[in-house]
PDB file of all heavy atoms in Angstrom:
ATOM      1  N   VAL A   1     -12.899 -12.627  -3.245  1.00  0.00           N
ATOM      2  CA  VAL A   1     -11.487 -12.858  -3.593  1.00  0.00           C
ATOM      3  C   VAL A   1     -10.582 -12.452  -2.431  1.00  0.00           C
ATOM      4  O   VAL A   1      -9.619 -13.153  -2.096  1.00  0.00           O
ATOM      5  CB  VAL A   1     -11.113 -12.073  -4.876  1.00  0.00           C
ATOM      6  CG1 VAL A   1      -9.607 -12.137  -5.129  1.00  0.00           C
ATOM      7  CG2 VAL A   1     -11.859 -12.643  -6.081  1.00  0.00           C
ATOM      8  N   LEU A   2     -10.907 -11.326  -1.797  1.00  0.00           N
ATOM      9  CA  LEU A   2     -10.113 -10.855  -0.665  1.00  0.00           C
ATOM     10  C   LEU A   2     -10.188 -11.843   0.503  1.00  0.00           C
ATOM     11  O   LEU A   2      -9.173 -12.160   1.130  1.00  0.00           O
ATOM     12  CB  LEU A   2     -10.611  -9.472  -0.223  1.00  0.00           C
ATOM     13  CG  LEU A   2      -9.699  -8.632   0.670  1.00  0.00           C
ATOM     14  CD1 LEU A   2      -8.343  -8.411   0.017  1.00  0.00           C
ATOM     15  CD2 LEU A   2     -10.354  -7.297   0.988  1.00  0.00           C
ATOM     16  N   GLY A   3     -11.386 -12.347   0.771  1.00  0.00           N
ATOM     17  CA  GLY A   3     -11.551 -13.335   1.835  1.00  0.00           C
ATOM     18  C   GLY A   3     -10.772 -14.612   1.548  1.00  0.00           C
ATOM     19  O   GLY A   3     -10.145 -15.191   2.446  1.00  0.00           O
ATOM     20  N   THR A   4     -10.780 -15.042   0.282  1.00  0.00           N
ATOM     21  CA  THR A   4     -10.011 -16.238  -0.105  1.00  0.00           C
ATOM     22  C   THR A   4      -8.517 -16.007   0.074  1.00  0.00           C
ATOM     23  O   THR A   4      -7.780 -16.901   0.504  1.00  0.00           O
ATOM     24  CB  THR A   4     -10.315 -16.613  -1.573  1.00  0.00           C
ATOM     25  OG1 THR A   4     -11.731 -16.727  -1.753  1.00  0.00           O
ATOM     26  CG2 THR A   4      -9.652 -17.924  -1.950  1.00  0.00           C
ATOM     27  N   ALA A   5      -8.067 -14.794  -0.255  1.00  0.00           N
ATOM     28  CA  ALA A   5      -6.642 -14.460  -0.089  1.00  0.00           C
ATOM     29  C   ALA A   5      -6.230 -14.537   1.381  1.00  0.00           C
ATOM     30  O   ALA A   5      -5.172 -15.083   1.716  1.00  0.00           O
ATOM     31  CB  ALA A   5      -6.365 -13.063  -0.644  1.00  0.00           C
ATOM     32  N   PHE A   6      -7.075 -13.998   2.265  1.00  0.00           N
ATOM     33  CA  PHE A   6      -6.777 -14.076   3.697  1.00  0.00           C
ATOM     34  C   PHE A   6      -6.741 -15.546   4.149  1.00  0.00           C
ATOM     35  O   PHE A   6      -5.921 -15.924   4.988  1.00  0.00           O
ATOM     36  CB  PHE A   6      -7.822 -13.312   4.509  1.00  0.00           C
ATOM     37  CG  PHE A   6      -7.796 -11.827   4.290  1.00  0.00           C
ATOM     38  CD1 PHE A   6      -8.939 -11.057   4.472  1.00  0.00           C
ATOM     39  CD2 PHE A   6      -6.634 -11.179   3.891  1.00  0.00           C
ATOM     40  CE1 PHE A   6      -8.919  -9.682   4.277  1.00  0.00           C
ATOM     41  CE2 PHE A   6      -6.599  -9.816   3.692  1.00  0.00           C
ATOM     42  CZ  PHE A   6      -7.743  -9.057   3.879  1.00  0.00           C
ATOM     43  N   LEU A   7      -7.614 -16.351   3.566  1.00  0.00           N
ATOM     44  CA  LEU A   7      -7.653 -17.775   3.906  1.00  0.00           C
ATOM     45  C   LEU A   7      -6.359 -18.473   3.470  1.00  0.00           C
ATOM     46  O   LEU A   7      -5.839 -19.338   4.181  1.00  0.00           O
ATOM     47  CB  LEU A   7      -8.859 -18.428   3.227  1.00  0.00           C
ATOM     48  CG  LEU A   7      -9.234 -19.846   3.690  1.00  0.00           C
ATOM     49  CD1 LEU A   7      -9.603 -19.857   5.165  1.00  0.00           C
ATOM     50  CD2 LEU A   7     -10.383 -20.389   2.851  1.00  0.00           C
ATOM     51  N   LEU A   8      -5.821 -18.066   2.321  1.00  0.00           N
ATOM     52  CA  LEU A   8      -4.559 -18.653   1.845  1.00  0.00           C
ATOM     53  C   LEU A   8      -3.400 -18.319   2.789  1.00  0.00           C
ATOM     54  O   LEU A   8      -2.507 -19.143   3.005  1.00  0.00           O
ATOM     55  CB  LEU A   8      -4.248 -18.156   0.425  1.00  0.00           C
ATOM     56  CG  LEU A   8      -5.159 -18.695  -0.685  1.00  0.00           C
ATOM     57  CD1 LEU A   8      -4.863 -18.004  -2.004  1.00  0.00           C
ATOM     58  CD2 LEU A   8      -5.022 -20.200  -0.832  1.00  0.00           C
ATOM     59  N   LEU A   9      -3.407 -17.100   3.348  1.00  0.00           N
ATOM     60  CA  LEU A   9      -2.396 -16.749   4.350  1.00  0.00           C
ATOM     61  C   LEU A   9      -2.551 -17.617   5.596  1.00  0.00           C
ATOM     62  O   LEU A   9      -1.570 -18.035   6.208  1.00  0.00           O
ATOM     63  CB  LEU A   9      -2.508 -15.273   4.734  1.00  0.00           C
ATOM     64  CG  LEU A   9      -1.900 -14.246   3.779  1.00  0.00           C
ATOM     65  CD1 LEU A   9      -2.058 -12.848   4.355  1.00  0.00           C
ATOM     66  CD2 LEU A   9      -0.434 -14.526   3.502  1.00  0.00           C
ATOM     67  N   ALA A  10      -3.804 -17.886   5.960  1.00  0.00           N
ATOM     68  CA  ALA A  10      -4.060 -18.741   7.126  1.00  0.00           C
ATOM     69  C   ALA A  10      -3.604 -20.171   6.867  1.00  0.00           C
ATOM     70  O   ALA A  10      -3.066 -20.832   7.762  1.00  0.00           O
ATOM     71  CB  ALA A  10      -5.551 -18.716   7.471  1.00  0.00           C
ATOM     72  N   VAL A  11      -3.776 -20.645   5.625  1.00  0.00           N
ATOM     73  CA  VAL A  11      -3.343 -21.996   5.257  1.00  0.00           C
ATOM     74  C   VAL A  11      -1.836 -22.143   5.467  1.00  0.00           C
ATOM     75  O   VAL A  11      -1.345 -23.184   5.913  1.00  0.00           O
ATOM     76  CB  VAL A  11      -3.724 -22.314   3.785  1.00  0.00           C
ATOM     77  CG1 VAL A  11      -2.996 -23.553   3.275  1.00  0.00           C
ATOM     78  CG2 VAL A  11      -5.229 -22.506   3.667  1.00  0.00           C
ATOM     79  N   GLU A  12      -1.087 -21.062   5.133  1.00  0.00           N
ATOM     80  CA  GLU A  12       0.366 -21.084   5.355  1.00  0.00           C
ATOM     81  C   GLU A  12       0.689 -21.360   6.823  1.00  0.00           C
ATOM     82  O   GLU A  12       1.599 -22.137   7.131  1.00  0.00           O
ATOM     83  CB  GLU A  12       0.966 -19.736   4.935  1.00  0.00           C
ATOM     84  CG  GLU A  12       2.470 -19.655   5.152  1.00  0.00           C
ATOM     85  CD  GLU A  12       3.055 -18.308   4.743  1.00  0.00           C
ATOM     86  OE1 GLU A  12       2.292 -17.421   4.325  1.00  0.00           O
ATOM     87  OE2 GLU A  12       4.284 -18.157   4.851  1.00  0.00           O
ATOM     88  N   GLU A  13      -0.059 -20.758   7.727  1.00  0.00           N
ATOM     89  CA  GLU A  13       0.168 -20.963   9.164  1.00  0.00           C
ATOM     90  C   GLU A  13      -0.319 -22.340   9.618  1.00  0.00           C
ATOM     91  O   GLU A  13       0.324 -23.012  10.411  1.00  0.00           O
ATOM     92  CB  GLU A  13      -0.533 -19.869   9.958  1.00  0.00           C
ATOM     93  CG  GLU A  13       0.042 -18.481   9.692  1.00  0.00           C
ATOM     94  CD  GLU A  13      -0.728 -17.385  10.412  1.00  0.00           C
ATOM     95  OE1 GLU A  13      -1.625 -17.717  11.218  1.00  0.00           O
ATOM     96  OE2 GLU A  13      -0.436 -16.195  10.158  1.00  0.00           O
ATOM     97  N   TRP A  14      -1.476 -22.786   9.094  1.00  0.00           N
ATOM     98  CA  TRP A  14      -2.026 -24.084   9.494  1.00  0.00           C
ATOM     99  C   TRP A  14      -1.108 -25.241   9.099  1.00  0.00           C
ATOM    100  O   TRP A  14      -0.971 -26.207   9.832  1.00  0.00           O
ATOM    101  CB  TRP A  14      -3.396 -24.301   8.853  1.00  0.00           C
ATOM    102  CG  TRP A  14      -4.456 -23.351   9.320  1.00  0.00           C
ATOM    103  CD1 TRP A  14      -4.456 -22.626  10.490  1.00  0.00           C
ATOM    104  CD2 TRP A  14      -5.656 -22.985   8.623  1.00  0.00           C
ATOM    105  NE1 TRP A  14      -5.573 -21.839  10.563  1.00  0.00           N
ATOM    106  CE2 TRP A  14      -6.346 -22.031   9.446  1.00  0.00           C
ATOM    107  CE3 TRP A  14      -6.241 -23.358   7.419  1.00  0.00           C
ATOM    108  CZ2 TRP A  14      -7.557 -21.474   9.080  1.00  0.00           C
ATOM    109  CZ3 TRP A  14      -7.448 -22.806   7.054  1.00  0.00           C
ATOM    110  CH2 TRP A  14      -8.102 -21.868   7.864  1.00  0.00           C
ATOM    111  N   LEU A  15      -0.483 -25.122   7.922  1.00  0.00           N
ATOM    112  CA  LEU A  15       0.351 -26.210   7.409  1.00  0.00           C
ATOM    113  C   LEU A  15       1.834 -26.029   7.751  1.00  0.00           C
ATOM    114  O   LEU A  15       2.676 -26.750   7.224  1.00  0.00           O
ATOM    115  CB  LEU A  15       0.191 -26.320   5.883  1.00  0.00           C
ATOM    116  CG  LEU A  15      -1.218 -26.622   5.358  1.00  0.00           C
ATOM    117  CD1 LEU A  15      -1.199 -26.688   3.839  1.00  0.00           C
ATOM    118  CD2 LEU A  15      -1.739 -27.941   5.922  1.00  0.00           C
ATOM    119  N   GLU A  16       2.130 -25.078   8.634  1.00  0.00           N
ATOM    120  CA  GLU A  16       3.521 -24.695   8.920  1.00  0.00           C
ATOM    121  C   GLU A  16       4.407 -25.890   9.263  1.00  0.00           C
ATOM    122  O   GLU A  16       5.537 -26.003   8.792  1.00  0.00           O
ATOM    123  CB  GLU A  16       3.540 -23.687  10.072  1.00  0.00           C
ATOM    124  CG  GLU A  16       4.914 -23.094  10.328  1.00  0.00           C
ATOM    125  CD  GLU A  16       4.892 -22.026  11.400  1.00  0.00           C
ATOM    126  OE1 GLU A  16       3.807 -21.755  11.972  1.00  0.00           O
ATOM    127  OE2 GLU A  16       5.949 -21.453  11.675  1.00  0.00           O
ATOM    128  N   ASN A  17       3.914 -26.817  10.087  1.00  0.00           N
ATOM    129  CA  ASN A  17       4.708 -27.971  10.518  1.00  0.00           C
ATOM    130  C   ASN A  17       4.469 -29.216   9.672  1.00  0.00           C
ATOM    131  O   ASN A  17       5.002 -30.284   9.971  1.00  0.00           O
ATOM    132  CB  ASN A  17       4.399 -28.287  11.989  1.00  0.00           C
ATOM    133  CG  ASN A  17       4.774 -27.132  12.907  1.00  0.00           C
ATOM    134  OD1 ASN A  17       5.816 -26.502  12.726  1.00  0.00           O
ATOM    135  ND2 ASN A  17       3.915 -26.831  13.881  1.00  0.00           N
ATOM    136  N   ILE A  18       3.654 -29.074   8.632  1.00  0.00           N
ATOM    137  CA  ILE A  18       3.342 -30.231   7.775  1.00  0.00           C
ATOM    138  C   ILE A  18       3.909 -30.039   6.378  1.00  0.00           C
ATOM    139  O   ILE A  18       4.644 -30.872   5.860  1.00  0.00           O
ATOM    140  CB  ILE A  18       1.810 -30.431   7.689  1.00  0.00           C
ATOM    141  CG1 ILE A  18       1.217 -30.610   9.086  1.00  0.00           C
ATOM    142  CG2 ILE A  18       1.473 -31.629   6.797  1.00  0.00           C
ATOM    143  CD1 ILE A  18      -0.294 -30.545   9.128  1.00  0.00           C
ATOM    144  N   LEU A  19       3.552 -28.904   5.762  1.00  0.00           N
ATOM    145  CA  LEU A  19       3.991 -28.595   4.404  1.00  0.00           C
ATOM    146  C   LEU A  19       4.282 -27.105   4.299  1.00  0.00           C
ATOM    147  O   LEU A  19       3.401 -26.287   4.568  1.00  0.00           O
ATOM    148  CB  LEU A  19       2.886 -28.979   3.395  1.00  0.00           C
ATOM    149  CG  LEU A  19       3.147 -28.637   1.927  1.00  0.00           C
ATOM    150  CD1 LEU A  19       4.243 -29.530   1.349  1.00  0.00           C
ATOM    151  CD2 LEU A  19       1.852 -28.769   1.116  1.00  0.00           C
ATOM    152  N   PRO A  20       5.517 -26.730   3.942  1.00  0.00           N
ATOM    153  CA  PRO A  20       5.816 -25.295   3.791  1.00  0.00           C
ATOM    154  C   PRO A  20       5.079 -24.712   2.586  1.00  0.00           C
ATOM    155  O   PRO A  20       5.138 -25.268   1.486  1.00  0.00           O
ATOM    156  CB  PRO A  20       7.335 -25.266   3.584  1.00  0.00           C
ATOM    157  CG  PRO A  20       7.691 -26.620   3.086  1.00  0.00           C
ATOM    158  CD  PRO A  20       6.696 -27.574   3.678  1.00  0.00           C
ATOM    159  N   VAL A  21       4.374 -23.620   2.800  1.00  0.00           N
ATOM    160  CA  VAL A  21       3.591 -22.973   1.749  1.00  0.00           C
ATOM    161  C   VAL A  21       3.874 -21.477   1.772  1.00  0.00           C
ATOM    162  O   VAL A  21       3.892 -20.868   2.842  1.00  0.00           O
ATOM    163  CB  VAL A  21       2.073 -23.200   1.965  1.00  0.00           C
ATOM    164  CG1 VAL A  21       1.264 -22.464   0.889  1.00  0.00           C
ATOM    165  CG2 VAL A  21       1.727 -24.679   1.954  1.00  0.00           C
ATOM    166  N   SER A  22       4.101 -20.901   0.607  1.00  0.00           N
ATOM    167  CA  SER A  22       4.253 -19.449   0.510  1.00  0.00           C
ATOM    168  C   SER A  22       2.879 -18.835   0.283  1.00  0.00           C
ATOM    169  O   SER A  22       2.315 -18.914  -0.822  1.00  0.00           O
ATOM    170  CB  SER A  22       5.198 -19.080  -0.635  1.00  0.00           C
ATOM    171  OG  SER A  22       5.147 -17.692  -0.870  1.00  0.00           O
ATOM    172  N   GLY A  23       2.325 -18.221   1.324  1.00  0.00           N
ATOM    173  CA  GLY A  23       1.003 -17.633   1.223  1.00  0.00           C
ATOM    174  C   GLY A  23       0.926 -16.500   0.215  1.00  0.00           C
ATOM    175  O   GLY A  23      -0.048 -16.378  -0.530  1.00  0.00           O
ATOM    176  N   LEU A  24       1.973 -15.652   0.170  1.00  0.00           N
ATOM    177  CA  LEU A  24       1.969 -14.511  -0.749  1.00  0.00           C
ATOM    178  C   LEU A  24       1.988 -14.966  -2.204  1.00  0.00           C
ATOM    179  O   LEU A  24       1.302 -14.401  -3.061  1.00  0.00           O
ATOM    180  CB  LEU A  24       3.159 -13.594  -0.467  1.00  0.00           C
ATOM    181  CG  LEU A  24       3.176 -12.927   0.910  1.00  0.00           C
ATOM    182  CD1 LEU A  24       4.387 -12.021   1.053  1.00  0.00           C
ATOM    183  CD2 LEU A  24       1.906 -12.130   1.162  1.00  0.00           C
ATOM    184  N   LEU A  25       2.760 -16.026  -2.492  1.00  0.00           N
ATOM    185  CA  LEU A  25       2.784 -16.568  -3.851  1.00  0.00           C
ATOM    186  C   LEU A  25       1.452 -17.219  -4.198  1.00  0.00           C
ATOM    187  O   LEU A  25       0.996 -17.164  -5.341  1.00  0.00           O
ATOM    188  CB  LEU A  25       3.909 -17.601  -3.992  1.00  0.00           C
ATOM    189  CG  LEU A  25       5.279 -17.074  -4.418  1.00  0.00           C
ATOM    190  CD1 LEU A  25       6.253 -18.226  -4.551  1.00  0.00           C
ATOM    191  CD2 LEU A  25       5.194 -16.321  -5.722  1.00  0.00           C
ATOM    192  N   ALA A  26       0.833 -17.862  -3.202  1.00  0.00           N
ATOM    193  CA  ALA A  26      -0.471 -18.487  -3.415  1.00  0.00           C
ATOM    194  C   ALA A  26      -1.504 -17.429  -3.819  1.00  0.00           C
ATOM    195  O   ALA A  26      -2.335 -17.660  -4.715  1.00  0.00           O
ATOM    196  CB  ALA A  26      -0.918 -19.217  -2.153  1.00  0.00           C
ATOM    197  N   ILE A  27      -1.442 -16.266  -3.166  1.00  0.00           N
ATOM    198  CA  ILE A  27      -2.387 -15.180  -3.469  1.00  0.00           C
ATOM    199  C   ILE A  27      -2.184 -14.689  -4.899  1.00  0.00           C
ATOM    200  O   ILE A  27      -3.142 -14.506  -5.661  1.00  0.00           O
ATOM    201  CB  ILE A  27      -2.197 -14.025  -2.466  1.00  0.00           C
ATOM    202  CG1 ILE A  27      -2.680 -14.457  -1.078  1.00  0.00           C
ATOM    203  CG2 ILE A  27      -2.933 -12.772  -2.926  1.00  0.00           C
ATOM    204  CD1 ILE A  27      -2.255 -13.540   0.038  1.00  0.00           C
ATOM    205  N   MET A  28      -0.928 -14.498  -5.280  1.00  0.00           N
ATOM    206  CA  MET A  28      -0.644 -14.023  -6.629  1.00  0.00           C
ATOM    207  C   MET A  28      -1.069 -15.059  -7.675  1.00  0.00           C
ATOM    208  O   MET A  28      -1.643 -14.723  -8.719  1.00  0.00           O
ATOM    209  CB  MET A  28       0.850 -13.727  -6.759  1.00  0.00           C
ATOM    210  CG  MET A  28       1.194 -12.718  -7.824  1.00  0.00           C
ATOM    211  SD  MET A  28       2.948 -12.364  -7.768  1.00  0.00           S
ATOM    212  CE  MET A  28       2.900 -10.624  -7.723  1.00  0.00           C
ATOM    213  N   SER A  29      -0.788 -16.333  -7.381  1.00  0.00           N
ATOM    214  CA  SER A  29      -1.161 -17.421  -8.284  1.00  0.00           C
ATOM    215  C   SER A  29      -2.680 -17.497  -8.436  1.00  0.00           C
ATOM    216  O   SER A  29      -3.194 -17.685  -9.545  1.00  0.00           O
ATOM    217  CB  SER A  29      -0.606 -18.744  -7.732  1.00  0.00           C
ATOM    218  OG  SER A  29      -1.044 -19.835  -8.495  1.00  0.00           O
ATOM    219  N   MET A  30      -3.401 -17.351  -7.331  1.00  0.00           N
ATOM    220  CA  MET A  30      -4.864 -17.366  -7.369  1.00  0.00           C
ATOM    221  C   MET A  30      -5.395 -16.268  -8.289  1.00  0.00           C
ATOM    222  O   MET A  30      -6.265 -16.502  -9.131  1.00  0.00           O
ATOM    223  CB  MET A  30      -5.419 -17.169  -5.954  1.00  0.00           C
ATOM    224  CG  MET A  30      -6.924 -16.996  -5.893  1.00  0.00           C
ATOM    225  SD  MET A  30      -7.488 -16.260  -4.333  1.00  0.00           S
ATOM    226  CE  MET A  30      -6.865 -14.585  -4.482  1.00  0.00           C
ATOM    227  N   ALA A  31      -4.864 -15.066  -8.122  1.00  0.00           N
ATOM    228  CA  ALA A  31      -5.330 -13.927  -8.924  1.00  0.00           C
ATOM    229  C   ALA A  31      -5.004 -14.121 -10.404  1.00  0.00           C
ATOM    230  O   ALA A  31      -5.813 -13.780 -11.278  1.00  0.00           O
ATOM    231  CB  ALA A  31      -4.704 -12.638  -8.409  1.00  0.00           C
ATOM    232  N   MET A  32      -3.828 -14.687 -10.704  1.00  0.00           N
ATOM    233  CA  MET A  32      -3.439 -14.927 -12.091  1.00  0.00           C
ATOM    234  C   MET A  32      -4.387 -15.921 -12.764  1.00  0.00           C
ATOM    235  O   MET A  32      -4.841 -15.704 -13.896  1.00  0.00           O
ATOM    236  CB  MET A  32      -2.002 -15.462 -12.153  1.00  0.00           C
ATOM    237  CG  MET A  32      -0.932 -14.420 -11.910  1.00  0.00           C
ATOM    238  SD  MET A  32       0.714 -15.163 -11.787  1.00  0.00           S
ATOM    239  CE  MET A  32       0.893 -15.841 -13.434  1.00  0.00           C
ATOM    240  N   VAL A  33      -4.681 -17.029 -12.081  1.00  0.00           N
ATOM    241  CA  VAL A  33      -5.566 -18.052 -12.653  1.00  0.00           C
ATOM    242  C   VAL A  33      -6.975 -17.506 -12.801  1.00  0.00           C
ATOM    243  O   VAL A  33      -7.650 -17.754 -13.809  1.00  0.00           O
ATOM    244  CB  VAL A  33      -5.552 -19.330 -11.770  1.00  0.00           C
ATOM    245  CG1 VAL A  33      -6.621 -20.312 -12.231  1.00  0.00           C
ATOM    246  CG2 VAL A  33      -4.182 -19.996 -11.825  1.00  0.00           C
TER     247      VAL A  33
END
């Protein structure tokens, strides 16, 4: 789960110029689901 969370933060950076993504919200959403 921790590794996936770090990956979600990386996704925010990878998609920076394509699609704005909130990495911190993605992490919280992942944990909730």
